[in-house]
C-alpha atoms as a PDB file:
ATOM      1  CA  MET A   1      42.723  -6.200   1.814  1.00  0.00           C
ATOM      2  CA  LYS A   2      39.869  -4.352   3.468  1.00  0.00           C
ATOM      3  CA  ARG A   3      36.254  -5.137   2.615  1.00  0.00           C
ATOM      4  CA  PHE A   4      33.627  -2.426   2.377  1.00  0.00           C
ATOM      5  CA  PHE A   5      29.881  -2.575   2.675  1.00  0.00           C
ATOM      6  CA  SER A   6      26.915  -0.262   2.213  1.00  0.00           C
ATOM      7  CA  THR A   7      24.932   0.784   5.255  1.00  0.00           C
ATOM      8  CA  LYS A   8      21.174   0.742   4.895  1.00  0.00           C
ATOM      9  CA  SER A   9      18.817   3.489   6.013  1.00  0.00           C
ATOM     10  CA  GLY A  10      15.250   2.461   5.269  1.00  0.00           C
ATOM     11  CA  SER A  11      15.301   1.228   1.674  1.00  0.00           C
ATOM     12  CA  GLU A  12      18.301   3.359   0.697  1.00  0.00           C
ATOM     13  CA  PHE A  13      21.988   2.531   0.832  1.00  0.00           C
ATOM     14  CA  GLY A  14      24.142   5.195   2.402  1.00  0.00           C
ATOM     15  CA  LYS A  15      27.756   5.697   3.307  1.00  0.00           C
ATOM     16  CA  ILE A  16      30.411   3.078   2.684  1.00  0.00           C
ATOM     17  CA  ILE A  17      32.191   1.732   5.760  1.00  0.00           C
ATOM     18  CA  ALA A  18      34.945  -0.792   6.360  1.00  0.00           C
ATOM     19  CA  MET A  19      33.693  -3.989   7.994  1.00  0.00           C
ATOM     20  CA  ASP A  20      36.860  -6.010   8.593  1.00  0.00           C
ATOM     21  CA  ARG A  21      36.490  -5.238  12.298  1.00  0.00           C
ATOM     22  CA  PHE A  22      33.845  -4.257  14.815  1.00  0.00           C
ATOM     23  CA  ASP A  23      33.882  -0.785  16.351  1.00  0.00           C
ATOM     24  CA  SER A  24      35.814  -2.200  19.302  1.00  0.00           C
ATOM     25  CA  GLY A  25      38.556  -3.451  16.994  1.00  0.00           C
ATOM     26  CA  ARG A  26      37.647  -7.102  17.427  1.00  0.00           C
ATOM     27  CA  SER A  27      38.430  -9.097  14.287  1.00  0.00           C
ATOM     28  CA  LEU A  28      35.783 -10.698  12.094  1.00  0.00           C
ATOM     29  CA  SER A  29      38.175 -13.567  11.372  1.00  0.00           C
ATOM     30  CA  PRO A  30      35.640 -16.366  12.137  1.00  0.00           C
ATOM     31  CA  ILE A  31      33.503 -15.093   9.260  1.00  0.00           C
ATOM     32  CA  ARG A  32      36.484 -14.665   6.969  1.00  0.00           C
ATOM     33  CA  GLN A  33      37.727 -18.180   7.851  1.00  0.00           C
ATOM     34  CA  ALA A  34      34.356 -19.767   7.046  1.00  0.00           C
ATOM     35  CA  GLU A  35      34.132 -17.796   3.812  1.00  0.00           C
ATOM     36  CA  ALA A  36      37.630 -18.929   2.759  1.00  0.00           C
ATOM     37  CA  TYR A  37      36.863 -22.557   3.631  1.00  0.00           C
ATOM     38  CA  TRP A  38      33.601 -22.530   1.636  1.00  0.00           C
ATOM     39  CA  THR A  39      35.271 -20.761  -1.308  1.00  0.00           C
ATOM     40  CA  ALA A  40      37.988 -23.443  -1.413  1.00  0.00           C
ATOM     41  CA  LEU A  41      35.241 -26.020  -2.021  1.00  0.00           C
ATOM     42  CA  LEU A  42      33.489 -23.939  -4.678  1.00  0.00           C
ATOM     43  CA  THR A  43      33.983 -24.985  -8.300  1.00  0.00           C
ATOM     44  CA  ALA A  44      32.411 -24.258 -11.655  1.00  0.00           C
ATOM     45  CA  ASP A  45      30.128 -27.228 -11.002  1.00  0.00           C
ATOM     46  CA  GLY A  46      28.216 -25.344  -8.338  1.00  0.00           C
ATOM     47  CA  VAL A  47      28.031 -24.802  -4.608  1.00  0.00           C
ATOM     48  CA  PRO A  48      29.661 -27.312  -2.233  1.00  0.00           C
ATOM     49  CA  MET A  49      27.817 -30.343  -0.929  1.00  0.00           C
ATOM     50  CA  ARG A  50      26.749 -30.472   2.702  1.00  0.00           C
ATOM     51  CA  SER A  51      28.695 -33.724   3.031  1.00  0.00           C
ATOM     52  CA  GLN A  52      31.935 -31.947   2.081  1.00  0.00           C
ATOM     53  CA  ILE A  53      31.883 -29.766   5.197  1.00  0.00           C
ATOM     54  CA  ASP A  54      34.351 -31.224   7.680  1.00  0.00           C
ATOM     55  CA  PRO A  55      34.508 -29.867  11.256  1.00  0.00           C
ATOM     56  CA  ARG A  56      38.281 -30.285  11.209  1.00  0.00           C
ATOM     57  CA  GLY A  57      38.456 -27.469   8.673  1.00  0.00           C
ATOM     58  CA  LEU A  58      36.464 -25.211  11.004  1.00  0.00           C
ATOM     59  CA  GLU A  59      37.735 -26.378  14.388  1.00  0.00           C
ATOM     60  CA  ASN A  60      38.920 -22.908  15.458  1.00  0.00           C
ATOM     61  CA  ILE A  61      35.486 -21.330  14.894  1.00  0.00           C
ATOM     62  CA  LEU A  62      33.005 -24.101  15.746  1.00  0.00           C
ATOM     63  CA  GLU A  63      31.419 -22.113  18.578  1.00  0.00           C
ATOM     64  CA  TYR A  64      30.267 -19.480  16.057  1.00  0.00           C
ATOM     65  CA  THR A  65      29.262 -21.918  13.309  1.00  0.00           C
ATOM     66  CA  PHE A  66      25.832 -23.242  12.380  1.00  0.00           C
ATOM     67  CA  ILE A  67      24.047 -25.296   9.731  1.00  0.00           C
ATOM     68  CA  LEU A  68      20.585 -24.338   8.456  1.00  0.00           C
ATOM     69  CA  GLU A  69      18.010 -26.436   6.628  1.00  0.00           C
ATOM     70  CA  ARG A  70      15.453 -24.810   4.349  1.00  0.00           C
ATOM     71  CA  ILE A  71      11.928 -25.759   5.411  1.00  0.00           C
ATOM     72  CA  ALA A  72       9.833 -23.289   3.366  1.00  0.00           C
ATOM     73  CA  PRO A  73      10.364 -20.181   1.206  1.00  0.00           C
ATOM     74  CA  GLY A  74      12.159 -17.643   3.390  1.00  0.00           C
ATOM     75  CA  LEU A  75      12.372 -20.025   6.339  1.00  0.00           C
ATOM     76  CA  ALA A  76      15.223 -22.199   7.595  1.00  0.00           C
ATOM     77  CA  ARG A  77      15.799 -23.964  10.902  1.00  0.00           C
ATOM     78  CA  PHE A  78      18.978 -24.641  12.823  1.00  0.00           C
ATOM     79  CA  ARG A  79      20.185 -28.211  12.458  1.00  0.00           C
ATOM     80  CA  LEU A  80      23.480 -27.552  14.225  1.00  0.00           C
ATOM     81  CA  ALA A  81      24.561 -24.514  16.226  1.00  0.00           C
ATOM     82  CA  GLY A  82      27.681 -23.513  18.128  1.00  0.00           C
ATOM     83  CA  SER A  83      27.671 -22.454  21.761  1.00  0.00           C
ATOM     84  CA  HIS A  84      27.966 -18.736  20.943  1.00  0.00           C
ATOM     85  CA  LEU A  85      24.515 -18.769  19.317  1.00  0.00           C
ATOM     86  CA  ASN A  86      23.054 -20.591  22.309  1.00  0.00           C
ATOM     87  CA  LYS A  87      24.494 -17.889  24.585  1.00  0.00           C
ATOM     88  CA  LEU A  88      22.934 -15.127  22.484  1.00  0.00           C
ATOM     89  CA  ALA A  89      19.558 -16.857  22.553  1.00  0.00           C
ATOM     90  CA  GLY A  90      19.808 -17.902  26.193  1.00  0.00           C
ATOM     91  CA  MET A  91      18.712 -21.403  25.176  1.00  0.00           C
ATOM     92  CA  GLU A  92      19.425 -24.295  22.834  1.00  0.00           C
ATOM     93  CA  VAL A  93      18.622 -23.065  19.308  1.00  0.00           C
ATOM     94  CA  ARG A  94      18.572 -26.334  17.346  1.00  0.00           C
ATOM     95  CA  GLY A  95      15.241 -26.733  15.612  1.00  0.00           C
ATOM     96  CA  MET A  96      14.472 -23.016  15.914  1.00  0.00           C
ATOM     97  CA  PRO A  97      14.055 -20.787  12.827  1.00  0.00           C
ATOM     98  CA  LEU A  98      16.791 -18.336  11.875  1.00  0.00           C
ATOM     99  CA  THR A  99      14.270 -15.510  12.247  1.00  0.00           C
ATOM    100  CA  SER A 100      14.167 -16.127  16.012  1.00  0.00           C
ATOM    101  CA  PHE A 101      17.386 -14.061  16.221  1.00  0.00           C
ATOM    102  CA  PHE A 102      15.691 -11.032  14.649  1.00  0.00           C
ATOM    103  CA  GLU A 103      13.288  -8.350  15.813  1.00  0.00           C
ATOM    104  CA  PRO A 104       9.817  -8.642  14.232  1.00  0.00           C
ATOM    105  CA  GLU A 105      10.414  -5.610  11.994  1.00  0.00           C
ATOM    106  CA  ALA A 106      13.581  -7.217  10.552  1.00  0.00           C
ATOM    107  CA  ARG A 107      12.146 -10.646   9.782  1.00  0.00           C
ATOM    108  CA  ASP A 108      10.755  -9.870   6.321  1.00  0.00           C
ATOM    109  CA  ASP A 109      14.169  -8.592   5.209  1.00  0.00           C
ATOM    110  CA  THR A 110      15.783 -11.676   6.730  1.00  0.00           C
ATOM    111  CA  LYS A 111      13.431 -13.966   4.813  1.00  0.00           C
ATOM    112  CA  ARG A 112      14.098 -12.083   1.580  1.00  0.00           C
ATOM    113  CA  LEU A 113      17.872 -12.381   1.997  1.00  0.00           C
ATOM    114  CA  LEU A 114      17.598 -16.051   2.919  1.00  0.00           C
ATOM    115  CA  ASP A 115      15.534 -16.695  -0.207  1.00  0.00           C
ATOM    116  CA  GLN A 116      18.282 -15.110  -2.299  1.00  0.00           C
ATOM    117  CA  VAL A 117      20.896 -17.387  -0.697  1.00  0.00           C
ATOM    118  CA  PHE A 118      18.935 -20.496  -1.679  1.00  0.00           C
ATOM    119  CA  SER A 119      17.450 -19.391  -4.987  1.00  0.00           C
ATOM    120  CA  ALA A 120      20.169 -17.343  -6.713  1.00  0.00           C
ATOM    121  CA  PRO A 121      22.177 -19.039  -5.129  1.00  0.00           C
ATOM    122  CA  ALA A 122      24.155 -16.357  -3.320  1.00  0.00           C
ATOM    123  CA  VAL A 123      26.358 -15.566  -0.338  1.00  0.00           C
ATOM    124  CA  ALA A 124      24.848 -13.057   2.081  1.00  0.00           C
ATOM    125  CA  GLU A 125      26.641 -11.158   4.830  1.00  0.00           C
ATOM    126  CA  LEU A 126      24.643  -9.164   7.374  1.00  0.00           C
ATOM    127  CA  GLY A 127      25.593  -6.475   9.837  1.00  0.00           C
ATOM    128  CA  LEU A 128      23.391  -6.748  12.935  1.00  0.00           C
ATOM    129  CA  VAL A 129      22.566  -4.534  15.914  1.00  0.00           C
ATOM    130  CA  SER A 130      20.758  -5.406  19.132  1.00  0.00           C
ATOM    131  CA  LYS A 131      19.647  -2.216  20.848  1.00  0.00           C
ATOM    132  CA  GLY A 132      20.472  -1.569  24.467  1.00  0.00           C
ATOM    133  CA  LYS A 133      17.379  -1.687  26.675  1.00  0.00           C
ATOM    134  CA  LEU A 134      16.171  -3.159  29.951  1.00  0.00           C
ATOM    135  CA  GLY A 135      19.665  -3.457  31.373  1.00  0.00           C
ATOM    136  CA  ARG A 136      21.252  -4.587  28.107  1.00  0.00           C
ATOM    137  CA  VAL A 137      24.027  -2.707  26.353  1.00  0.00           C
ATOM    138  CA  SER A 138      23.935  -2.257  22.588  1.00  0.00           C
ATOM    139  CA  LEU A 139      25.444  -5.276  20.841  1.00  0.00           C
ATOM    140  CA  GLN A 140      26.946  -5.526  17.366  1.00  0.00           C
ATOM    141  CA  ALA A 141      27.053  -8.787  15.434  1.00  0.00           C
ATOM    142  CA  ARG A 142      27.924 -10.052  11.978  1.00  0.00           C
ATOM    143  CA  MET A 143      26.524 -13.081  10.143  1.00  0.00           C
ATOM    144  CA  ILE A 144      27.453 -14.836   6.906  1.00  0.00           C
ATOM    145  CA  LEU A 145      25.239 -17.328   5.049  1.00  0.00           C
ATOM    146  CA  LEU A 146      26.930 -19.704   2.585  1.00  0.00           C
ATOM    147  CA  PRO A 147      24.717 -22.007   0.465  1.00  0.00           C
ATOM    148  CA  LEU A 148      25.188 -25.772   0.346  1.00  0.00           C
ATOM    149  CA  LYS A 149      23.625 -28.674  -1.537  1.00  0.00           C
ATOM    150  CA  SER A 150      21.961 -31.523   0.325  1.00  0.00           C
ATOM    151  CA  ASP A 151      22.745 -35.143  -0.504  1.00  0.00           C
ATOM    152  CA  LEU A 152      19.805 -34.975  -2.933  1.00  0.00           C
ATOM    153  CA  GLY A 153      21.541 -32.203  -4.888  1.00  0.00           C
ATOM    154  CA  ASP A 154      19.109 -29.405  -4.072  1.00  0.00           C
ATOM    155  CA  ILE A 155      20.354 -26.168  -2.515  1.00  0.00           C
ATOM    156  CA  SER A 156      18.614 -26.449   0.837  1.00  0.00           C
ATOM    157  CA  ARG A 157      21.404 -26.095   3.409  1.00  0.00           C
ATOM    158  CA  VAL A 158      23.466 -23.168   4.655  1.00  0.00           C
ATOM    159  CA  LEU A 159      26.832 -23.041   6.366  1.00  0.00           C
ATOM    160  CA  GLY A 160      26.757 -19.960   8.576  1.00  0.00           C
ATOM    161  CA  VAL A 161      28.765 -18.062  11.130  1.00  0.00           C
ATOM    162  CA  MET A 162      27.520 -15.487  13.631  1.00  0.00           C
ATOM    163  CA  VAL A 163      29.894 -13.417  15.775  1.00  0.00           C
ATOM    164  CA  SER A 164      28.866 -10.738  18.263  1.00  0.00           C
ATOM    165  CA  ASP A 165      30.980  -7.997  19.791  1.00  0.00           C
ATOM    166  CA  GLY A 166      30.194  -6.780  23.292  1.00  0.00           C
ATOM    167  CA  MET A 167      28.597  -7.981  26.508  1.00  0.00           C
ATOM    168  CA  ILE A 168      25.656 -10.281  25.817  1.00  0.00           C
ATOM    169  CA  GLY A 169      23.816  -9.422  29.020  1.00  0.00           C
ATOM    170  CA  LEU A 170      20.182 -10.459  29.420  1.00  0.00           C
ATOM    171  CA  THR A 171      18.939 -12.895  26.817  1.00  0.00           C
ATOM    172  CA  PRO A 172      17.494 -13.534  24.340  1.00  0.00           C
ATOM    173  CA  ARG A 173      19.256 -10.969  22.159  1.00  0.00           C
ATOM    174  CA  ARG A 174      17.389 -10.097  18.975  1.00  0.00           C
ATOM    175  CA  PHE A 175      18.763  -8.028  16.135  1.00  0.00           C
ATOM    176  CA  THR A 176      17.927  -5.644  13.333  1.00  0.00           C
ATOM    177  CA  ILE A 177      19.870  -5.483  10.060  1.00  0.00           C
ATOM    178  CA  SER A 178      22.180  -2.466   9.814  1.00  0.00           C
ATOM    179  CA  ASP A 179      23.780  -3.367   6.471  1.00  0.00           C
ATOM    180  CA  HIS A 180      24.155  -6.291   4.132  1.00  0.00           C
ATOM    181  CA  ARG A 181      25.813  -7.497   0.948  1.00  0.00           C
ATOM    182  CA  VAL A 182      24.749 -10.281  -1.402  1.00  0.00           C
ATOM    183  CA  ASN A 183      27.053 -11.876  -4.016  1.00  0.00           C
ATOM    184  CA  LYS A 184      25.737 -14.400  -6.509  1.00  0.00           C
ATOM    185  CA  VAL A 185      27.666 -17.649  -6.498  1.00  0.00           C
ATOM    186  CA  SER A 186      28.002 -17.404 -10.285  1.00  0.00           C
ATOM    187  CA  ASP A 187      30.170 -14.310  -9.765  1.00  0.00           C
ATOM    188  CA  LEU A 188      32.430 -16.205  -7.365  1.00  0.00           C
ATOM    189  CA  GLN A 189      32.867 -19.465  -9.233  1.00  0.00           C
ATOM    190  CA  THR A 190      36.228 -20.556 -10.611  1.00  0.00           C
ATOM    191  CA  PRO A 191      37.134 -23.229 -13.186  1.00  0.00           C
ATOM    192  CA  PRO A 192      36.928 -26.839 -11.932  1.00  0.00           C
ATOM    193  CA  LYS A 193      39.732 -27.804  -9.609  1.00  0.00           C
ATOM    194  CA  HIS A 194      40.721 -30.632  -7.360  1.00  0.00           C
ATOM    195  CA  ALA A 195      38.484 -30.560  -4.288  1.00  0.00           C
ATOM    196  CA  PRO A 196      40.011 -30.782  -0.789  1.00  0.00           C
ATOM    197  CA  ASN A 197      40.462 -34.314   0.493  1.00  0.00           C
ATOM    198  CA  ILE A 198      37.558 -34.741   2.897  1.00  0.00           C
ATOM    199  CA  ALA A 199      37.562 -37.983   4.844  1.00  0.00           C
ATOM    200  CA  GLU A 200      34.098 -38.278   6.334  1.00  0.00           C
ATOM    201  CA  GLY A 201      32.415 -34.899   5.958  1.00  0.00           C
ATOM    202  CA  PHE A 202      30.588 -32.933   8.599  1.00  0.00           C
ATOM    203  CA  ALA A 203      28.398 -35.865   9.629  1.00  0.00           C
ATOM    204  CA  GLU A 204      25.332 -35.098  11.689  1.00  0.00           C
ATOM    205  CA  SER A 205      25.815 -38.010  14.048  1.00  0.00           C
ATOM    206  CA  PRO A 206      27.344 -38.236  17.539  1.00  0.00           C
ATOM    207  CA  SER A 207      30.550 -39.757  16.176  1.00  0.00           C
ATOM    208  CA  GLY A 208      30.961 -36.843  13.777  1.00  0.00           C
ATOM    209  CA  PHE A 209      31.480 -34.432  16.635  1.00  0.00           C
ATOM    210  CA  LYS A 210      34.204 -36.107  18.618  1.00  0.00           C
ATOM    211  CA  GLY A 211      36.370 -33.315  19.909  1.00  0.00           C
ATOM    212  CA  ALA A 212      33.901 -30.618  18.783  1.00  0.00           C
ATOM    213  CA  PRO A 213      31.462 -30.248  21.713  1.00  0.00           C
ATOM    214  CA  HIS A 214      30.272 -26.760  20.746  1.00  0.00           C
ATOM    215  CA  LEU A 215      27.992 -28.059  17.999  1.00  0.00           C
ATOM    216  CA  LYS A 216      24.734 -29.809  18.763  1.00  0.00           C
ATOM    217  CA  LEU A 217      23.085 -32.706  16.929  1.00  0.00           C
ATOM    218  CA  VAL A 218      19.751 -32.379  15.171  1.00  0.00           C
ATOM    219  CA  SER A 219      18.351 -35.546  13.675  1.00  0.00           C
ATOM    220  CA  SER A 220      16.662 -35.659  10.271  1.00  0.00           C
ATOM    221  CA  ARG A 221      15.322 -38.342   7.958  1.00  0.00           C
ATOM    222  CA  ASP A 222      16.960 -36.992   4.810  1.00  0.00           C
ATOM    223  CA  GLU A 223      20.599 -36.943   6.045  1.00  0.00           C
END
């Protein structure tokens, strides 16, 4: 079934377009896979725990996957990031804020959407464009932000995926927001069900990434 999203022009929402694929025809399946995995963990009790995320369930899309930690209202830093994000940035992104992927004029909107993900809580999906300039071709990308609870029970983590379509060229690539959708978790919740059998979770330790070299470790006192 096709998904449709509103395009944004200024503060207004315009025409409706299908976003199952990029203009080139490349599939957005990494985003859809992450969304399906997260939804399978979602129950009437609330959003999934960070410890429930197992890399084995995401092994086909690890290079596009990341984990964010909320550090202030509207701000979150990368704790883990796949190799695709490092290629877009032209550097290791762990420890960097999510806003580092956005042009200055798009950062307020990014902070507002991120706040909704944590506070509502909600799932946000963003259409992104990096303009062609200085030897770079225009680059499309898509990002999804899926809220998670920390081990303390607060909603302060995000499971995310970012996929670009086109030649990356000179880095860093920074983006503006071309469209977005936000769905409250309360609208997506289902009655309680048996959660998937997760052995060890998506542990943020060297042993947790055996066989998954695309993701990088970021240490933290609260994990």
